[in-house]
Amino acid sequence: MKVGFIGLGSMGSAMAGNLVAAGHAVTVWNRSEAAAEPLVSLGAKLAKTPDRAVLGEAVCSMLANDQAVRDVFLDGGLLDAMDPGTVHLNHATISVALARELAEAHAAHGIDYVAAPVFGRPDAAAAAKLNIVAAGRPGALEKVRPLLEAMGAQTWPMGDDPVRASVVKIAGNFMLASAIEAMAEASTLTRAYGVEAADFLQVMTSTLFAAPAYQGYGKLIAEQRYSPAGFAMPLGLKDVGLALVAGEGRRVPLPFAGVLRENFLDALAHGGESLDWSALALVAARRAGLDGGDAA
């Protein structure tokens, strides 16, 4: 399939690489061309401008936030450059409001919009083991199924309204942040009584919480391995903010999300900008007066 890929951060680069490896004709664009060089060496074609990357049967995008998506696809005029019948797979975590706006704008241009956010860190993206939550017109989903299969281990359909996939991703990230915070606070409590975080978390993640999210993030917390970031702290703050806004839109109270927002702000205020969001454990440790509570 002839496909464009826009947004080549650590996730996007890995996903685009898997499309190339699967034999698709991939054209890539990124604000910084340097990020595209490894993909070009694998066989991808480099687009000098984003409009040259949207001339295929489908376009995938993995941009950082609402503003980046808006700048490129809405304000940047890319919808005018895309042929009717093209399918846009948006893999970014965006607000429900923007998801709705994008669906309407694409429909007005005769372009299919599929919200397809992913669960998984860069290593899962590189191994094509992402879980992809997808919502859009059934015919559009079927058309891009080969792309989804090349990038992920499983696709989870959520109906024809793209907003559904976006809110599932927001809610899922809220659950991940809550799990990280729970482990951060609980392991700080055990440390205060002389039980190392690694010992406590090994017990928990091998028994009551033997699940990938707890095991993966528990290991990072136990080892205090917060850099390089697989999912950076500002993105955690952004996603918790999306959950709060989505909750307000339907009068759904999310008290834990409010606590998480303050803790992310605390982490960022103390130098955690470049750290993984599992470094919420540093906030808990610093508040308890324990060593290992400084971002620096």
C-alpha atoms as a PDB file:
ATOM      1  CA  MET A   1       0.000   0.000   0.000  1.00  0.00           C
ATOM      2  CA  LYS A   2       1.173   3.541  -0.739  1.00  0.00           C
ATOM      3  CA  VAL A   3       1.183   5.308   2.620  1.00  0.00           C
ATOM      4  CA  GLY A   4       2.502   8.509   4.139  1.00  0.00           C
ATOM      5  CA  PHE A   5       3.778   8.836   7.690  1.00  0.00           C
ATOM      6  CA  ILE A   6       3.915  12.179   9.497  1.00  0.00           C
ATOM      7  CA  GLY A   7       5.655  12.566  12.859  1.00  0.00           C
ATOM      8  CA  LEU A   8       8.861  10.645  13.474  1.00  0.00           C
ATOM      9  CA  GLY A   9       9.506  10.730  17.177  1.00  0.00           C
ATOM     10  CA  SER A  10      10.570   7.562  18.954  1.00  0.00           C
ATOM     11  CA  MET A  11       7.121   6.007  18.451  1.00  0.00           C
ATOM     12  CA  GLY A  12       6.456   7.219  14.929  1.00  0.00           C
ATOM     13  CA  SER A  13       9.874   6.195  13.654  1.00  0.00           C
ATOM     14  CA  ALA A  14       9.435   2.652  14.945  1.00  0.00           C
ATOM     15  CA  MET A  15       5.931   2.365  13.523  1.00  0.00           C
ATOM     16  CA  ALA A  16       6.953   3.716  10.127  1.00  0.00           C
ATOM     17  CA  GLY A  17       9.911   1.335  10.107  1.00  0.00           C
ATOM     18  CA  ASN A  18       7.565  -1.615  10.531  1.00  0.00           C
ATOM     19  CA  LEU A  19       5.478  -0.430   7.588  1.00  0.00           C
ATOM     20  CA  VAL A  20       8.604  -0.322   5.431  1.00  0.00           C
ATOM     21  CA  ALA A  21       9.622  -3.779   6.653  1.00  0.00           C
ATOM     22  CA  ALA A  22       6.168  -5.108   5.736  1.00  0.00           C
ATOM     23  CA  GLY A  23       6.682  -4.014   2.143  1.00  0.00           C
ATOM     24  CA  HIS A  24       4.539  -0.896   2.020  1.00  0.00           C
ATOM     25  CA  ALA A  25       5.644   2.109  -0.065  1.00  0.00           C
ATOM     26  CA  VAL A  26       6.175   4.649   2.710  1.00  0.00           C
ATOM     27  CA  THR A  27       6.774   8.385   2.313  1.00  0.00           C
ATOM     28  CA  VAL A  28       7.792  10.137   5.535  1.00  0.00           C
ATOM     29  CA  TRP A  29       7.815  13.726   6.738  1.00  0.00           C
ATOM     30  CA  ASN A  30       9.044  15.263   9.960  1.00  0.00           C
ATOM     31  CA  ARG A  31       9.809  18.836  10.963  1.00  0.00           C
ATOM     32  CA  SER A  32      13.405  17.752  11.507  1.00  0.00           C
ATOM     33  CA  GLU A  33      14.629  15.856   8.470  1.00  0.00           C
ATOM     34  CA  ALA A  34      17.366  14.189  10.531  1.00  0.00           C
ATOM     35  CA  ALA A  35      14.728  11.960  12.161  1.00  0.00           C
ATOM     36  CA  ALA A  36      13.799  10.611   8.729  1.00  0.00           C
ATOM     37  CA  GLU A  37      17.307   9.581   7.669  1.00  0.00           C
ATOM     38  CA  PRO A  38      17.271   6.074   9.258  1.00  0.00           C
ATOM     39  CA  LEU A  39      13.940   5.341   7.557  1.00  0.00           C
ATOM     40  CA  VAL A  40      15.194   6.567   4.207  1.00  0.00           C
ATOM     41  CA  SER A  41      18.133   4.197   4.566  1.00  0.00           C
ATOM     42  CA  LEU A  42      15.595   1.368   5.021  1.00  0.00           C
ATOM     43  CA  GLY A  43      13.754   2.278   1.842  1.00  0.00           C
ATOM     44  CA  ALA A  44      11.286   5.015   2.767  1.00  0.00           C
ATOM     45  CA  LYS A  45      10.946   8.089   0.576  1.00  0.00           C
ATOM     46  CA  LEU A  46      11.533  11.523   2.143  1.00  0.00           C
ATOM     47  CA  ALA A  47       8.960  14.258   1.589  1.00  0.00           C
ATOM     48  CA  LYS A  48      10.391  17.767   1.816  1.00  0.00           C
ATOM     49  CA  THR A  49       6.973  19.186   2.716  1.00  0.00           C
ATOM     50  CA  PRO A  50       4.029  17.526   4.485  1.00  0.00           C
ATOM     51  CA  ASP A  51       1.711  17.840   1.498  1.00  0.00           C
ATOM     52  CA  ARG A  52       4.016  15.490  -0.440  1.00  0.00           C
ATOM     53  CA  ALA A  53       3.531  12.812   2.239  1.00  0.00           C
ATOM     54  CA  VAL A  54      -0.253  12.650   1.943  1.00  0.00           C
ATOM     55  CA  LEU A  55      -0.594  11.587  -1.695  1.00  0.00           C
ATOM     56  CA  GLY A  56      -1.073   7.862  -1.101  1.00  0.00           C
ATOM     57  CA  GLU A  57      -3.981   5.617  -0.223  1.00  0.00           C
ATOM     58  CA  ALA A  58      -3.512   6.238   3.486  1.00  0.00           C
ATOM     59  CA  VAL A  59      -1.715   8.616   5.829  1.00  0.00           C
ATOM     60  CA  CYS A  60      -0.526   7.752   9.344  1.00  0.00           C
ATOM     61  CA  SER A  61       0.347  10.465  11.825  1.00  0.00           C
ATOM     62  CA  MET A  62       1.968  10.314  15.246  1.00  0.00           C
ATOM     63  CA  LEU A  63       2.238  13.879  16.537  1.00  0.00           C
ATOM     64  CA  ALA A  64       2.804  15.054  20.096  1.00  0.00           C
ATOM     65  CA  ASN A  65      -0.396  16.838  21.067  1.00  0.00           C
ATOM     66  CA  ASP A  66      -3.532  18.690  19.990  1.00  0.00           C
ATOM     67  CA  GLN A  67      -1.648  21.754  18.815  1.00  0.00           C
ATOM     68  CA  ALA A  68       0.748  19.778  16.635  1.00  0.00           C
ATOM     69  CA  VAL A  69      -2.121  17.882  15.001  1.00  0.00           C
ATOM     70  CA  ARG A  70      -4.065  21.101  14.462  1.00  0.00           C
ATOM     71  CA  ASP A  71      -1.050  22.927  13.026  1.00  0.00           C
ATOM     72  CA  VAL A  72      -0.281  20.207  10.497  1.00  0.00           C
ATOM     73  CA  PHE A  73      -3.683  18.894   9.420  1.00  0.00           C
ATOM     74  CA  LEU A  74      -6.150  21.721   9.967  1.00  0.00           C
ATOM     75  CA  ASP A  75      -4.238  25.002   9.895  1.00  0.00           C
ATOM     76  CA  GLY A  76      -1.582  23.571   7.566  1.00  0.00           C
ATOM     77  CA  GLY A  77      -4.134  22.768   4.865  1.00  0.00           C
ATOM     78  CA  LEU A  78      -3.218  19.115   4.476  1.00  0.00           C
ATOM     79  CA  LEU A  79      -6.820  18.054   4.069  1.00  0.00           C
ATOM     80  CA  ASP A  80      -6.937  20.080   0.850  1.00  0.00           C
ATOM     81  CA  ALA A  81      -3.878  18.199  -0.423  1.00  0.00           C
ATOM     82  CA  MET A  82      -5.349  14.741   0.229  1.00  0.00           C
ATOM     83  CA  ASP A  83      -7.408  12.924  -2.387  1.00  0.00           C
ATOM     84  CA  PRO A  84     -11.011  12.010  -1.507  1.00  0.00           C
ATOM     85  CA  GLY A  85     -11.105   8.421  -0.327  1.00  0.00           C
ATOM     86  CA  THR A  86      -7.771   8.663   1.461  1.00  0.00           C
ATOM     87  CA  VAL A  87      -7.771   7.244   4.982  1.00  0.00           C
ATOM     88  CA  HIS A  88      -6.055   9.209   7.750  1.00  0.00           C
ATOM     89  CA  LEU A  89      -4.950   7.075  10.686  1.00  0.00           C
ATOM     90  CA  ASN A  90      -4.255   9.355  13.641  1.00  0.00           C
ATOM     91  CA  HIS A  91      -2.225   7.536  16.292  1.00  0.00           C
ATOM     92  CA  ALA A  92      -1.772  10.500  18.638  1.00  0.00           C
ATOM     93  CA  THR A  93      -3.428  10.893  22.015  1.00  0.00           C
ATOM     94  CA  ILE A  94      -5.658  13.940  21.534  1.00  0.00           C
ATOM     95  CA  SER A  95      -8.653  15.531  23.209  1.00  0.00           C
ATOM     96  CA  VAL A  96     -12.157  14.305  22.527  1.00  0.00           C
ATOM     97  CA  ALA A  97     -13.026  17.784  21.262  1.00  0.00           C
ATOM     98  CA  LEU A  98     -10.284  17.715  18.626  1.00  0.00           C
ATOM     99  CA  ALA A  99     -11.180  14.139  17.680  1.00  0.00           C
ATOM    100  CA  ARG A 100     -14.721  15.305  16.958  1.00  0.00           C
ATOM    101  CA  GLU A 101     -13.505  18.341  15.023  1.00  0.00           C
ATOM    102  CA  LEU A 102     -11.122  16.246  12.945  1.00  0.00           C
ATOM    103  CA  ALA A 103     -13.829  13.725  12.078  1.00  0.00           C
ATOM    104  CA  GLU A 104     -16.100  16.520  10.860  1.00  0.00           C
ATOM    105  CA  ALA A 105     -13.354  18.283   8.890  1.00  0.00           C
ATOM    106  CA  HIS A 106     -12.229  15.066   7.191  1.00  0.00           C
ATOM    107  CA  ALA A 107     -15.807  14.149   6.273  1.00  0.00           C
ATOM    108  CA  ALA A 108     -16.283  17.565   4.684  1.00  0.00           C
ATOM    109  CA  HIS A 109     -13.284  16.822   2.435  1.00  0.00           C
ATOM    110  CA  GLY A 110     -14.413  13.281   1.580  1.00  0.00           C
ATOM    111  CA  ILE A 111     -11.536  11.805   3.586  1.00  0.00           C
ATOM    112  CA  ASP A 112     -11.928   8.948   6.062  1.00  0.00           C
ATOM    113  CA  TYR A 113     -10.694   9.716   9.564  1.00  0.00           C
ATOM    114  CA  VAL A 114      -9.758   6.785  11.791  1.00  0.00           C
ATOM    115  CA  ALA A 115      -8.663   7.424  15.367  1.00  0.00           C
ATOM    116  CA  ALA A 116      -6.071   4.741  16.091  1.00  0.00           C
ATOM    117  CA  PRO A 117      -4.157   5.606  19.271  1.00  0.00           C
ATOM    118  CA  VAL A 118      -1.760   3.000  20.585  1.00  0.00           C
ATOM    119  CA  PHE A 119      -0.820   1.439  23.907  1.00  0.00           C
ATOM    120  CA  GLY A 120       2.853   0.574  24.195  1.00  0.00           C
ATOM    121  CA  ARG A 121       6.221   2.211  24.686  1.00  0.00           C
ATOM    122  CA  PRO A 122       8.928   2.635  22.017  1.00  0.00           C
ATOM    123  CA  ASP A 123      10.276  -0.894  22.511  1.00  0.00           C
ATOM    124  CA  ALA A 124       6.816  -2.338  21.853  1.00  0.00           C
ATOM    125  CA  ALA A 125       6.476  -0.104  18.798  1.00  0.00           C
ATOM    126  CA  ALA A 126       9.809  -1.337  17.432  1.00  0.00           C
ATOM    127  CA  ALA A 127       8.734  -4.960  17.955  1.00  0.00           C
ATOM    128  CA  ALA A 128       5.324  -4.341  16.312  1.00  0.00           C
ATOM    129  CA  LYS A 129       3.647  -5.347  19.579  1.00  0.00           C
ATOM    130  CA  LEU A 130       1.460  -2.298  20.057  1.00  0.00           C
ATOM    131  CA  ASN A 131      -2.177  -2.587  21.020  1.00  0.00           C
ATOM    132  CA  ILE A 132      -4.081  -0.288  18.696  1.00  0.00           C
ATOM    133  CA  VAL A 133      -7.504   1.067  19.603  1.00  0.00           C
ATOM    134  CA  ALA A 134      -9.311   2.015  16.396  1.00  0.00           C
ATOM    135  CA  ALA A 135     -12.593   3.691  15.545  1.00  0.00           C
ATOM    136  CA  GLY A 136     -13.898   4.897  12.201  1.00  0.00           C
ATOM    137  CA  ARG A 137     -16.021   3.885   9.239  1.00  0.00           C
ATOM    138  CA  PRO A 138     -15.916   0.073   8.874  1.00  0.00           C
ATOM    139  CA  GLY A 139     -14.863   0.275   5.233  1.00  0.00           C
ATOM    140  CA  ALA A 140     -11.983   2.575   6.122  1.00  0.00           C
ATOM    141  CA  LEU A 141     -10.829   0.265   8.905  1.00  0.00           C
ATOM    142  CA  GLU A 142     -10.866  -2.689   6.567  1.00  0.00           C
ATOM    143  CA  LYS A 143      -8.848  -0.778   3.966  1.00  0.00           C
ATOM    144  CA  VAL A 144      -6.038   0.013   6.420  1.00  0.00           C
ATOM    145  CA  ARG A 145      -6.086  -3.324   8.232  1.00  0.00           C
ATOM    146  CA  PRO A 146      -2.737  -4.361   6.622  1.00  0.00           C
ATOM    147  CA  LEU A 147      -1.138  -1.239   8.074  1.00  0.00           C
ATOM    148  CA  LEU A 148      -2.532  -1.869  11.533  1.00  0.00           C
ATOM    149  CA  GLU A 149      -1.376  -5.480  11.421  1.00  0.00           C
ATOM    150  CA  ALA A 150       2.131  -4.392  10.427  1.00  0.00           C
ATOM    151  CA  MET A 151       2.418  -2.004  13.374  1.00  0.00           C
ATOM    152  CA  GLY A 152       0.650  -3.807  16.189  1.00  0.00           C
ATOM    153  CA  ALA A 153       0.006  -7.126  17.883  1.00  0.00           C
ATOM    154  CA  GLN A 154      -3.739  -6.541  18.055  1.00  0.00           C
ATOM    155  CA  THR A 155      -6.295  -3.992  16.916  1.00  0.00           C
ATOM    156  CA  TRP A 156      -9.233  -3.304  19.211  1.00  0.00           C
ATOM    157  CA  PRO A 157     -12.226  -1.903  17.268  1.00  0.00           C
ATOM    158  CA  MET A 158     -14.335   0.660  19.140  1.00  0.00           C
ATOM    159  CA  GLY A 159     -17.082   1.399  16.635  1.00  0.00           C
ATOM    160  CA  ASP A 160     -17.488   4.014  13.941  1.00  0.00           C
ATOM    161  CA  ASP A 161     -17.162   7.179  16.058  1.00  0.00           C
ATOM    162  CA  PRO A 162     -13.479   8.207  16.312  1.00  0.00           C
ATOM    163  CA  VAL A 163     -14.164   9.914  19.629  1.00  0.00           C
ATOM    164  CA  ARG A 164     -14.602   6.485  21.206  1.00  0.00           C
ATOM    165  CA  ALA A 165     -11.038   5.408  20.435  1.00  0.00           C
ATOM    166  CA  SER A 166      -9.679   8.723  21.669  1.00  0.00           C
ATOM    167  CA  VAL A 167     -11.494   8.511  25.004  1.00  0.00           C
ATOM    168  CA  VAL A 168     -10.401   4.886  25.488  1.00  0.00           C
ATOM    169  CA  LYS A 169      -6.794   5.981  25.051  1.00  0.00           C
ATOM    170  CA  ILE A 170      -7.232   8.906  27.455  1.00  0.00           C
ATOM    171  CA  ALA A 171      -8.878   6.670  30.058  1.00  0.00           C
ATOM    172  CA  GLY A 172      -6.195   4.007  29.607  1.00  0.00           C
ATOM    173  CA  ASN A 173      -3.387   6.484  30.172  1.00  0.00           C
ATOM    174  CA  PHE A 174      -5.201   7.788  33.244  1.00  0.00           C
ATOM    175  CA  MET A 175      -5.207   4.213  34.588  1.00  0.00           C
ATOM    176  CA  LEU A 176      -1.481   3.858  33.858  1.00  0.00           C
ATOM    177  CA  ALA A 177      -0.672   7.098  35.661  1.00  0.00           C
ATOM    178  CA  SER A 178      -2.790   5.964  38.608  1.00  0.00           C
ATOM    179  CA  ALA A 179      -0.899   2.652  38.756  1.00  0.00           C
ATOM    180  CA  ILE A 180       2.432   4.480  38.713  1.00  0.00           C
ATOM    181  CA  GLU A 181       1.301   6.800  41.499  1.00  0.00           C
ATOM    182  CA  ALA A 182       0.036   3.896  43.601  1.00  0.00           C
ATOM    183  CA  MET A 183       3.368   2.087  43.289  1.00  0.00           C
ATOM    184  CA  ALA A 184       5.267   5.310  43.983  1.00  0.00           C
ATOM    185  CA  GLU A 185       3.405   5.998  47.209  1.00  0.00           C
ATOM    186  CA  ALA A 186       3.289   2.378  48.395  1.00  0.00           C
ATOM    187  CA  SER A 187       6.997   1.758  47.787  1.00  0.00           C
ATOM    188  CA  THR A 188       7.850   5.017  49.547  1.00  0.00           C
ATOM    189  CA  LEU A 189       5.876   3.780  52.550  1.00  0.00           C
ATOM    190  CA  THR A 190       7.815   0.507  52.662  1.00  0.00           C
ATOM    191  CA  ARG A 191      11.134   2.329  52.247  1.00  0.00           C
ATOM    192  CA  ALA A 192      10.314   4.462  55.283  1.00  0.00           C
ATOM    193  CA  TYR A 193      10.248   1.218  57.274  1.00  0.00           C
ATOM    194  CA  GLY A 194      13.425  -0.232  55.804  1.00  0.00           C
ATOM    195  CA  VAL A 195      11.972  -2.366  52.999  1.00  0.00           C
ATOM    196  CA  GLU A 196      13.573  -1.467  49.683  1.00  0.00           C
ATOM    197  CA  ALA A 197      11.313  -0.559  46.782  1.00  0.00           C
ATOM    198  CA  ALA A 198      12.773  -3.365  44.671  1.00  0.00           C
ATOM    199  CA  ASP A 199      11.906  -6.012  47.270  1.00  0.00           C
ATOM    200  CA  PHE A 200       8.383  -4.710  47.822  1.00  0.00           C
ATOM    201  CA  LEU A 201       7.587  -4.253  44.141  1.00  0.00           C
ATOM    202  CA  GLN A 202       8.946  -7.684  43.248  1.00  0.00           C
ATOM    203  CA  VAL A 203       6.429  -9.233  45.623  1.00  0.00           C
ATOM    204  CA  MET A 204       3.548  -7.144  44.349  1.00  0.00           C
ATOM    205  CA  THR A 205       4.262  -7.479  40.635  1.00  0.00           C
ATOM    206  CA  SER A 206       4.823 -11.230  40.954  1.00  0.00           C
ATOM    207  CA  THR A 207       1.564 -11.859  42.816  1.00  0.00           C
ATOM    208  CA  LEU A 208      -1.379  -9.489  43.242  1.00  0.00           C
ATOM    209  CA  PHE A 209      -0.315  -7.130  40.445  1.00  0.00           C
ATOM    210  CA  ALA A 210       1.305  -9.502  37.963  1.00  0.00           C
ATOM    211  CA  ALA A 211       0.377  -7.420  34.926  1.00  0.00           C
ATOM    212  CA  PRO A 212       2.568  -5.779  32.263  1.00  0.00           C
ATOM    213  CA  ALA A 213       1.873  -2.195  33.354  1.00  0.00           C
ATOM    214  CA  TYR A 214       2.779  -2.860  36.990  1.00  0.00           C
ATOM    215  CA  GLN A 215       5.736  -5.044  36.115  1.00  0.00           C
ATOM    216  CA  GLY A 216       7.217  -2.631  33.589  1.00  0.00           C
ATOM    217  CA  TYR A 217       6.795   0.546  35.581  1.00  0.00           C
ATOM    218  CA  GLY A 218       7.511  -1.211  38.868  1.00  0.00           C
ATOM    219  CA  LYS A 219      10.907  -2.216  37.500  1.00  0.00           C
ATOM    220  CA  LEU A 220      11.674   1.370  36.486  1.00  0.00           C
ATOM    221  CA  ILE A 221      10.720   2.627  39.947  1.00  0.00           C
ATOM    222  CA  ALA A 222      12.696  -0.118  41.727  1.00  0.00           C
ATOM    223  CA  GLU A 223      15.791   0.674  39.663  1.00  0.00           C
ATOM    224  CA  GLN A 224      15.164   4.446  39.701  1.00  0.00           C
ATOM    225  CA  ARG A 225      15.701   4.309  35.941  1.00  0.00           C
ATOM    226  CA  TYR A 226      13.847   7.345  34.703  1.00  0.00           C
ATOM    227  CA  SER A 227      16.059   8.336  31.799  1.00  0.00           C
ATOM    228  CA  PRO A 228      15.915   8.099  28.868  1.00  0.00           C
ATOM    229  CA  ALA A 229      12.178   8.616  28.998  1.00  0.00           C
ATOM    230  CA  GLY A 230       9.944   6.159  27.182  1.00  0.00           C
ATOM    231  CA  PHE A 231       7.030   8.464  27.946  1.00  0.00           C
ATOM    232  CA  ALA A 232       8.136  11.862  29.167  1.00  0.00           C
ATOM    233  CA  MET A 233       6.676  13.658  32.172  1.00  0.00           C
ATOM    234  CA  PRO A 234       5.099  16.541  30.166  1.00  0.00           C
ATOM    235  CA  LEU A 235       3.132  13.991  28.136  1.00  0.00           C
ATOM    236  CA  GLY A 236       1.791  12.493  31.353  1.00  0.00           C
ATOM    237  CA  LEU A 237       0.622  15.920  32.493  1.00  0.00           C
ATOM    238  CA  LYS A 238      -0.960  16.495  29.077  1.00  0.00           C
ATOM    239  CA  ASP A 239      -2.878  13.215  29.137  1.00  0.00           C
ATOM    240  CA  VAL A 240      -4.162  13.644  32.686  1.00  0.00           C
ATOM    241  CA  GLY A 241      -5.339  17.076  31.606  1.00  0.00           C
ATOM    242  CA  LEU A 242      -7.188  15.488  28.683  1.00  0.00           C
ATOM    243  CA  ALA A 243      -8.909  13.115  31.114  1.00  0.00           C
ATOM    244  CA  LEU A 244     -10.018  15.997  33.331  1.00  0.00           C
ATOM    245  CA  VAL A 245     -11.414  17.945  30.382  1.00  0.00           C
ATOM    246  CA  ALA A 246     -13.185  14.851  29.007  1.00  0.00           C
ATOM    247  CA  GLY A 247     -14.659  14.170  32.436  1.00  0.00           C
ATOM    248  CA  GLU A 248     -15.890  17.732  32.772  1.00  0.00           C
ATOM    249  CA  GLY A 249     -17.535  17.485  29.352  1.00  0.00           C
ATOM    250  CA  ARG A 250     -19.830  14.686  30.544  1.00  0.00           C
ATOM    251  CA  ARG A 251     -19.937  15.614  34.272  1.00  0.00           C
ATOM    252  CA  VAL A 252     -17.762  12.665  35.266  1.00  0.00           C
ATOM    253  CA  PRO A 253     -15.811  13.365  38.476  1.00  0.00           C
ATOM    254  CA  LEU A 254     -12.190  12.177  38.343  1.00  0.00           C
ATOM    255  CA  PRO A 255     -10.743  13.021  41.771  1.00  0.00           C
ATOM    256  CA  PHE A 256      -7.627  10.867  41.277  1.00  0.00           C
ATOM    257  CA  ALA A 257      -6.877  12.739  38.062  1.00  0.00           C
ATOM    258  CA  GLY A 258      -6.804  15.997  40.020  1.00  0.00           C
ATOM    259  CA  VAL A 259      -4.220  14.578  42.422  1.00  0.00           C
ATOM    260  CA  LEU A 260      -2.152  13.247  39.514  1.00  0.00           C
ATOM    261  CA  ARG A 261      -2.188  16.634  37.803  1.00  0.00           C
ATOM    262  CA  GLU A 262      -0.715  18.294  40.904  1.00  0.00           C
ATOM    263  CA  ASN A 263       1.939  15.584  41.231  1.00  0.00           C
ATOM    264  CA  PHE A 264       2.981  15.937  37.593  1.00  0.00           C
ATOM    265  CA  LEU A 265       3.272  19.687  38.100  1.00  0.00           C
ATOM    266  CA  ASP A 266       5.338  19.046  41.229  1.00  0.00           C
ATOM    267  CA  ALA A 267       7.684  16.751  39.295  1.00  0.00           C
ATOM    268  CA  LEU A 268       8.098  19.290  36.497  1.00  0.00           C
ATOM    269  CA  ALA A 269       8.677  22.128  38.947  1.00  0.00           C
ATOM    270  CA  HIS A 270      11.557  20.126  40.435  1.00  0.00           C
ATOM    271  CA  GLY A 271      13.400  19.462  37.194  1.00  0.00           C
ATOM    272  CA  GLY A 272      11.606  16.392  35.853  1.00  0.00           C
ATOM    273  CA  GLU A 273      10.996  17.732  32.340  1.00  0.00           C
ATOM    274  CA  SER A 274      13.089  15.093  30.570  1.00  0.00           C
ATOM    275  CA  LEU A 275      12.298  12.161  32.860  1.00  0.00           C
ATOM    276  CA  ASP A 276       9.943   9.241  32.300  1.00  0.00           C
ATOM    277  CA  TRP A 277       6.561   9.660  33.936  1.00  0.00           C
ATOM    278  CA  SER A 278       7.405   6.795  36.294  1.00  0.00           C
ATOM    279  CA  ALA A 279       9.564   9.427  38.023  1.00  0.00           C
ATOM    280  CA  LEU A 280       6.418  10.365  39.914  1.00  0.00           C
ATOM    281  CA  ALA A 281       8.126   8.125  42.470  1.00  0.00           C
ATOM    282  CA  LEU A 282      10.630  10.938  43.035  1.00  0.00           C
ATOM    283  CA  VAL A 283       7.821  13.215  44.149  1.00  0.00           C
ATOM    284  CA  ALA A 284       6.610  10.681  46.716  1.00  0.00           C
ATOM    285  CA  ALA A 285      10.148  10.085  47.998  1.00  0.00           C
ATOM    286  CA  ARG A 286      10.980  13.795  48.259  1.00  0.00           C
ATOM    287  CA  ARG A 287       7.807  14.528  50.187  1.00  0.00           C
ATOM    288  CA  ALA A 288       8.699  11.759  52.622  1.00  0.00           C
ATOM    289  CA  GLY A 289      12.231  13.111  53.066  1.00  0.00           C
ATOM    290  CA  LEU A 290      13.851  10.001  51.619  1.00  0.00           C
ATOM    291  CA  ASP A 291      17.000   9.816  49.486  1.00  0.00           C
ATOM    292  CA  GLY A 292      16.441   9.499  45.782  1.00  0.00           C
ATOM    293  CA  GLY A 293      13.738  12.133  45.675  1.00  0.00           C
ATOM    294  CA  ASP A 294      15.517  14.657  43.465  1.00  0.00           C
ATOM    295  CA  ALA A 295      15.145  14.816  39.704  1.00  0.00           C
ATOM    296  CA  ALA A 296      18.730  15.980  39.354  1.00  0.00           C
END
